Amino acid sequence: MLLNGSLFSGKQIFKKEHLKREDGVQGVILRTEDGRETVIERYRELMMTADDGTRIIVLACEN
């Protein structure tokens, strides 16, 4: 896995049996000082969640 190789020097932190593919749509709400809200949507080519019982992590890859 790319993340294991690049972030953890090849140590198997994320395992395929704990990964689930997500739809790739991600939204962020930005609030200005005067209270107005703006929603920004991002579309990821590949987004997965990892749940191994101790943590839940969203992994997103964008080129």
PDB file of N, CA and C in Angstrom:
ATOM      1  N   MET A   1       0.834  -1.162   0.000  1.00  0.00           N
ATOM      2  CA  MET A   1       0.000   0.000   0.000  1.00  0.00           C
ATOM      3  C   MET A   1       0.890   1.239   0.000  1.00  0.00           C
ATOM      4  N   LEU A   2       0.501   2.234  -0.755  1.00  0.00           N
ATOM      5  CA  LEU A   2       1.265   3.469  -0.916  1.00  0.00           C
ATOM      6  C   LEU A   2       1.526   4.157   0.425  1.00  0.00           C
ATOM      7  N   LEU A   3       0.510   4.255   1.279  1.00  0.00           N
ATOM      8  CA  LEU A   3       0.699   4.940   2.559  1.00  0.00           C
ATOM      9  C   LEU A   3       1.655   4.197   3.475  1.00  0.00           C
ATOM     10  N   ASN A   4       1.548   2.886   3.531  1.00  0.00           N
ATOM     11  CA  ASN A   4       2.481   2.116   4.351  1.00  0.00           C
ATOM     12  C   ASN A   4       3.915   2.321   3.878  1.00  0.00           C
ATOM     13  N   GLY A   5       4.116   2.293   2.582  1.00  0.00           N
ATOM     14  CA  GLY A   5       5.465   2.442   2.039  1.00  0.00           C
ATOM     15  C   GLY A   5       6.034   3.829   2.210  1.00  0.00           C
ATOM     16  N   SER A   6       5.197   4.857   1.999  1.00  0.00           N
ATOM     17  CA  SER A   6       5.720   6.221   2.026  1.00  0.00           C
ATOM     18  C   SER A   6       5.726   6.845   3.420  1.00  0.00           C
ATOM     19  N   LEU A   7       4.766   6.519   4.260  1.00  0.00           N
ATOM     20  CA  LEU A   7       4.696   7.140   5.579  1.00  0.00           C
ATOM     21  C   LEU A   7       5.315   6.308   6.702  1.00  0.00           C
ATOM     22  N   PHE A   8       5.302   4.989   6.534  1.00  0.00           N
ATOM     23  CA  PHE A   8       5.720   4.114   7.627  1.00  0.00           C
ATOM     24  C   PHE A   8       6.874   3.191   7.242  1.00  0.00           C
ATOM     25  N   SER A   9       7.639   3.558   6.228  1.00  0.00           N
ATOM     26  CA  SER A   9       8.818   2.801   5.777  1.00  0.00           C
ATOM     27  C   SER A   9       8.502   1.331   5.511  1.00  0.00           C
ATOM     28  N   GLY A  10       7.321   1.064   4.983  1.00  0.00           N
ATOM     29  CA  GLY A  10       6.940  -0.297   4.615  1.00  0.00           C
ATOM     30  C   GLY A  10       6.287  -1.103   5.722  1.00  0.00           C
ATOM     31  N   LYS A  11       6.278  -0.603   6.938  1.00  0.00           N
ATOM     32  CA  LYS A  11       5.624  -1.317   8.034  1.00  0.00           C
ATOM     33  C   LYS A  11       4.120  -1.371   7.774  1.00  0.00           C
ATOM     34  N   GLN A  12       3.507  -2.520   7.980  1.00  0.00           N
ATOM     35  CA  GLN A  12       2.102  -2.729   7.643  1.00  0.00           C
ATOM     36  C   GLN A  12       1.174  -2.160   8.718  1.00  0.00           C
ATOM     37  N   ILE A  13       0.949  -0.840   8.640  1.00  0.00           N
ATOM     38  CA  ILE A  13       0.047  -0.160   9.567  1.00  0.00           C
ATOM     39  C   ILE A  13      -1.394  -0.335   9.088  1.00  0.00           C
ATOM     40  N   PHE A  14      -1.634  -0.042   7.809  1.00  0.00           N
ATOM     41  CA  PHE A  14      -2.962  -0.201   7.216  1.00  0.00           C
ATOM     42  C   PHE A  14      -3.016  -1.538   6.498  1.00  0.00           C
ATOM     43  N   LYS A  15      -4.016  -2.336   6.804  1.00  0.00           N
ATOM     44  CA  LYS A  15      -4.176  -3.653   6.184  1.00  0.00           C
ATOM     45  C   LYS A  15      -5.455  -3.678   5.369  1.00  0.00           C
ATOM     46  N   LYS A  16      -5.421  -4.387   4.234  1.00  0.00           N
ATOM     47  CA  LYS A  16      -6.549  -4.372   3.304  1.00  0.00           C
ATOM     48  C   LYS A  16      -7.850  -4.858   3.917  1.00  0.00           C
ATOM     49  N   GLU A  17      -7.778  -5.749   4.896  1.00  0.00           N
ATOM     50  CA  GLU A  17      -9.014  -6.255   5.498  1.00  0.00           C
ATOM     51  C   GLU A  17      -9.718  -5.214   6.378  1.00  0.00           C
ATOM     52  N   HIS A  18      -9.024  -4.108   6.685  1.00  0.00           N
ATOM     53  CA  HIS A  18      -9.613  -3.042   7.490  1.00  0.00           C
ATOM     54  C   HIS A  18     -10.026  -1.831   6.648  1.00  0.00           C
ATOM     55  N   LEU A  19      -9.874  -1.921   5.329  1.00  0.00           N
ATOM     56  CA  LEU A  19     -10.177  -0.792   4.460  1.00  0.00           C
ATOM     57  C   LEU A  19     -11.509  -0.971   3.752  1.00  0.00           C
ATOM     58  N   LYS A  20     -12.243   0.135   3.623  1.00  0.00           N
ATOM     59  CA  LYS A  20     -13.511   0.126   2.901  1.00  0.00           C
ATOM     60  C   LYS A  20     -13.523   1.326   1.968  1.00  0.00           C
ATOM     61  N   ARG A  21     -13.859   1.102   0.702  1.00  0.00           N
ATOM     62  CA  ARG A  21     -13.885   2.180  -0.284  1.00  0.00           C
ATOM     63  C   ARG A  21     -15.102   3.069  -0.059  1.00  0.00           C
ATOM     64  N   GLU A  22     -14.896   4.373  -0.167  1.00  0.00           N
ATOM     65  CA  GLU A  22     -15.962   5.358  -0.016  1.00  0.00           C
ATOM     66  C   GLU A  22     -16.263   5.992  -1.367  1.00  0.00           C
ATOM     67  N   ASP A  23     -17.310   6.799  -1.439  1.00  0.00           N
ATOM     68  CA  ASP A  23     -17.743   7.344  -2.727  1.00  0.00           C
ATOM     69  C   ASP A  23     -16.873   8.477  -3.259  1.00  0.00           C
ATOM     70  N   GLY A  24     -16.016   9.069  -2.459  1.00  0.00           N
ATOM     71  CA  GLY A  24     -15.079  10.069  -2.947  1.00  0.00           C
ATOM     72  C   GLY A  24     -15.565  11.501  -2.881  1.00  0.00           C
ATOM     73  N   VAL A  25     -16.782  11.733  -2.413  1.00  0.00           N
ATOM     74  CA  VAL A  25     -17.298  13.096  -2.271  1.00  0.00           C
ATOM     75  C   VAL A  25     -17.081  13.538  -0.835  1.00  0.00           C
ATOM     76  N   GLN A  26     -16.482  14.719  -0.682  1.00  0.00           N
ATOM     77  CA  GLN A  26     -16.152  15.221   0.638  1.00  0.00           C
ATOM     78  C   GLN A  26     -16.549  16.687   0.703  1.00  0.00           C
ATOM     79  N   GLY A  27     -17.225  17.086   1.758  1.00  0.00           N
ATOM     80  CA  GLY A  27     -17.655  18.470   1.898  1.00  0.00           C
ATOM     81  C   GLY A  27     -17.006  19.143   3.091  1.00  0.00           C
ATOM     82  N   VAL A  28     -16.748  20.434   2.933  1.00  0.00           N
ATOM     83  CA  VAL A  28     -16.176  21.239   4.004  1.00  0.00           C
ATOM     84  C   VAL A  28     -17.048  22.483   4.153  1.00  0.00           C
ATOM     85  N   ILE A  29     -17.412  22.815   5.384  1.00  0.00           N
ATOM     86  CA  ILE A  29     -18.198  24.017   5.635  1.00  0.00           C
ATOM     87  C   ILE A  29     -17.276  25.088   6.213  1.00  0.00           C
ATOM     88  N   LEU A  30     -17.220  26.228   5.536  1.00  0.00           N
ATOM     89  CA  LEU A  30     -16.420  27.357   5.999  1.00  0.00           C
ATOM     90  C   LEU A  30     -17.362  28.424   6.534  1.00  0.00           C
ATOM     91  N   ARG A  31     -17.049  28.971   7.703  1.00  0.00           N
ATOM     92  CA  ARG A  31     -17.879  29.996   8.318  1.00  0.00           C
ATOM     93  C   ARG A  31     -17.073  31.283   8.430  1.00  0.00           C
ATOM     94  N   THR A  32     -17.652  32.384   7.939  1.00  0.00           N
ATOM     95  CA  THR A  32     -16.981  33.682   8.015  1.00  0.00           C
ATOM     96  C   THR A  32     -17.239  34.312   9.377  1.00  0.00           C
ATOM     97  N   GLU A  33     -16.549  35.396   9.653  1.00  0.00           N
ATOM     98  CA  GLU A  33     -16.709  36.081  10.941  1.00  0.00           C
ATOM     99  C   GLU A  33     -18.128  36.591  11.165  1.00  0.00           C
ATOM    100  N   ASP A  34     -18.826  36.944  10.075  1.00  0.00           N
ATOM    101  CA  ASP A  34     -20.194  37.446  10.226  1.00  0.00           C
ATOM    102  C   ASP A  34     -21.235  36.318  10.256  1.00  0.00           C
ATOM    103  N   GLY A  35     -20.791  35.062  10.317  1.00  0.00           N
ATOM    104  CA  GLY A  35     -21.701  33.930  10.476  1.00  0.00           C
ATOM    105  C   GLY A  35     -22.174  33.277   9.189  1.00  0.00           C
ATOM    106  N   ARG A  36     -21.804  33.807   8.034  1.00  0.00           N
ATOM    107  CA  ARG A  36     -22.211  33.177   6.774  1.00  0.00           C
ATOM    108  C   ARG A  36     -21.430  31.889   6.559  1.00  0.00           C
ATOM    109  N   GLU A  37     -22.107  30.902   5.971  1.00  0.00           N
ATOM    110  CA  GLU A  37     -21.475  29.607   5.715  1.00  0.00           C
ATOM    111  C   GLU A  37     -21.365  29.352   4.218  1.00  0.00           C
ATOM    112  N   THR A  38     -20.251  28.773   3.819  1.00  0.00           N
ATOM    113  CA  THR A  38     -20.023  28.370   2.439  1.00  0.00           C
ATOM    114  C   THR A  38     -19.623  26.897   2.451  1.00  0.00           C
ATOM    115  N   VAL A  39     -20.257  26.119   1.586  1.00  0.00           N
ATOM    116  CA  VAL A  39     -19.932  24.696   1.490  1.00  0.00           C
ATOM    117  C   VAL A  39     -19.057  24.481   0.260  1.00  0.00           C
ATOM    118  N   ILE A  40     -17.932  23.824   0.470  1.00  0.00           N
ATOM    119  CA  ILE A  40     -17.025  23.481  -0.627  1.00  0.00           C
ATOM    120  C   ILE A  40     -17.005  21.960  -0.743  1.00  0.00           C
ATOM    121  N   GLU A  41     -17.282  21.467  -1.936  1.00  0.00           N
ATOM    122  CA  GLU A  41     -17.247  20.020  -2.150  1.00  0.00           C
ATOM    123  C   GLU A  41     -15.985  19.639  -2.907  1.00  0.00           C
ATOM    124  N   ARG A  42     -15.384  18.546  -2.484  1.00  0.00           N
ATOM    125  CA  ARG A  42     -14.201  17.981  -3.138  1.00  0.00           C
ATOM    126  C   ARG A  42     -14.553  16.593  -3.621  1.00  0.00           C
ATOM    127  N   TYR A  43     -14.050  16.252  -4.786  1.00  0.00           N
ATOM    128  CA  TYR A  43     -14.285  14.933  -5.364  1.00  0.00           C
ATOM    129  C   TYR A  43     -12.952  14.208  -5.474  1.00  0.00           C
ATOM    130  N   ARG A  44     -12.800  13.145  -4.732  1.00  0.00           N
ATOM    131  CA  ARG A  44     -11.556  12.376  -4.709  1.00  0.00           C
ATOM    132  C   ARG A  44     -11.667  11.186  -5.654  1.00  0.00           C
ATOM    133  N   GLU A  45     -10.578  10.883  -6.343  1.00  0.00           N
ATOM    134  CA  GLU A  45     -10.553   9.711  -7.206  1.00  0.00           C
ATOM    135  C   GLU A  45     -10.606   8.426  -6.394  1.00  0.00           C
ATOM    136  N   LEU A  46      -9.968   8.443  -5.260  1.00  0.00           N
ATOM    137  CA  LEU A  46      -9.941   7.263  -4.397  1.00  0.00           C
ATOM    138  C   LEU A  46      -9.993   7.729  -2.954  1.00  0.00           C
ATOM    139  N   MET A  47     -11.015   7.265  -2.245  1.00  0.00           N
ATOM    140  CA  MET A  47     -11.124   7.585  -0.831  1.00  0.00           C
ATOM    141  C   MET A  47     -11.549   6.322  -0.095  1.00  0.00           C
ATOM    142  N   MET A  48     -10.855   6.032   0.997  1.00  0.00           N
ATOM    143  CA  MET A  48     -11.145   4.835   1.777  1.00  0.00           C
ATOM    144  C   MET A  48     -11.151   5.192   3.247  1.00  0.00           C
ATOM    145  N   THR A  49     -11.872   4.397   4.015  1.00  0.00           N
ATOM    146  CA  THR A  49     -11.803   4.528   5.466  1.00  0.00           C
ATOM    147  C   THR A  49     -11.141   3.278   6.015  1.00  0.00           C
ATOM    148  N   ALA A  50     -10.383   3.463   7.064  1.00  0.00           N
ATOM    149  CA  ALA A  50      -9.721   2.346   7.744  1.00  0.00           C
ATOM    150  C   ALA A  50     -10.302   2.242   9.142  1.00  0.00           C
ATOM    151  N   ASP A  51     -10.761   1.061   9.508  1.00  0.00           N
ATOM    152  CA  ASP A  51     -11.300   0.837  10.841  1.00  0.00           C
ATOM    153  C   ASP A  51     -10.751  -0.487  11.344  1.00  0.00           C
ATOM    154  N   ASP A  52      -9.832  -0.406  12.281  1.00  0.00           N
ATOM    155  CA  ASP A  52      -9.229  -1.636  12.808  1.00  0.00           C
ATOM    156  C   ASP A  52      -9.562  -1.854  14.277  1.00  0.00           C
ATOM    157  N   GLY A  53     -10.586  -1.160  14.771  1.00  0.00           N
ATOM    158  CA  GLY A  53     -10.985  -1.317  16.152  1.00  0.00           C
ATOM    159  C   GLY A  53     -10.384  -0.295  17.090  1.00  0.00           C
ATOM    160  N   THR A  54      -9.295   0.342  16.698  1.00  0.00           N
ATOM    161  CA  THR A  54      -8.668   1.340  17.555  1.00  0.00           C
ATOM    162  C   THR A  54      -8.721   2.738  16.963  1.00  0.00           C
ATOM    163  N   ARG A  55      -8.955   2.814  15.666  1.00  0.00           N
ATOM    164  CA  ARG A  55      -8.989   4.136  15.029  1.00  0.00           C
ATOM    165  C   ARG A  55      -9.826   4.067  13.759  1.00  0.00           C
ATOM    166  N   ILE A  56     -10.379   5.203  13.386  1.00  0.00           N
ATOM    167  CA  ILE A  56     -11.072   5.346  12.108  1.00  0.00           C
ATOM    168  C   ILE A  56     -10.376   6.495  11.389  1.00  0.00           C
ATOM    169  N   ILE A  57      -9.918   6.237  10.177  1.00  0.00           N
ATOM    170  CA  ILE A  57      -9.134   7.204   9.433  1.00  0.00           C
ATOM    171  C   ILE A  57      -9.692   7.297   8.023  1.00  0.00           C
ATOM    172  N   VAL A  58      -9.774   8.507   7.493  1.00  0.00           N
ATOM    173  CA  VAL A  58     -10.172   8.707   6.103  1.00  0.00           C
ATOM    174  C   VAL A  58      -8.903   8.903   5.288  1.00  0.00           C
ATOM    175  N   LEU A  59      -8.720   8.059   4.288  1.00  0.00           N
ATOM    176  CA  LEU A  59      -7.565   8.146   3.398  1.00  0.00           C
ATOM    177  C   LEU A  59      -8.051   8.637   2.043  1.00  0.00           C
ATOM    178  N   ALA A  60      -7.493   9.704   1.551  1.00  0.00           N
ATOM    179  CA  ALA A  60      -7.920  10.251   0.266  1.00  0.00           C
ATOM    180  C   ALA A  60      -6.695  10.501  -0.602  1.00  0.00           C
ATOM    181  N   CYS A  61      -6.799  10.105  -1.848  1.00  0.00           N
ATOM    182  CA  CYS A  61      -5.703  10.284  -2.794  1.00  0.00           C
ATOM    183  C   CYS A  61      -6.193  11.177  -3.922  1.00  0.00           C
ATOM    184  N   GLU A  62      -5.463  12.226  -4.204  1.00  0.00           N
ATOM    185  CA  GLU A  62      -5.849  13.158  -5.252  1.00  0.00           C
ATOM    186  C   GLU A  62      -4.629  13.473  -6.088  1.00  0.00           C
ATOM    187  N   ASN A  63      -4.821  13.468  -7.389  1.00  0.00           N
ATOM    188  CA  ASN A  63      -3.713  13.770  -8.289  1.00  0.00           C
ATOM    189  C   ASN A  63      -3.881  15.144  -8.865  1.00  0.00           C
TER     190      ASN A  63
END
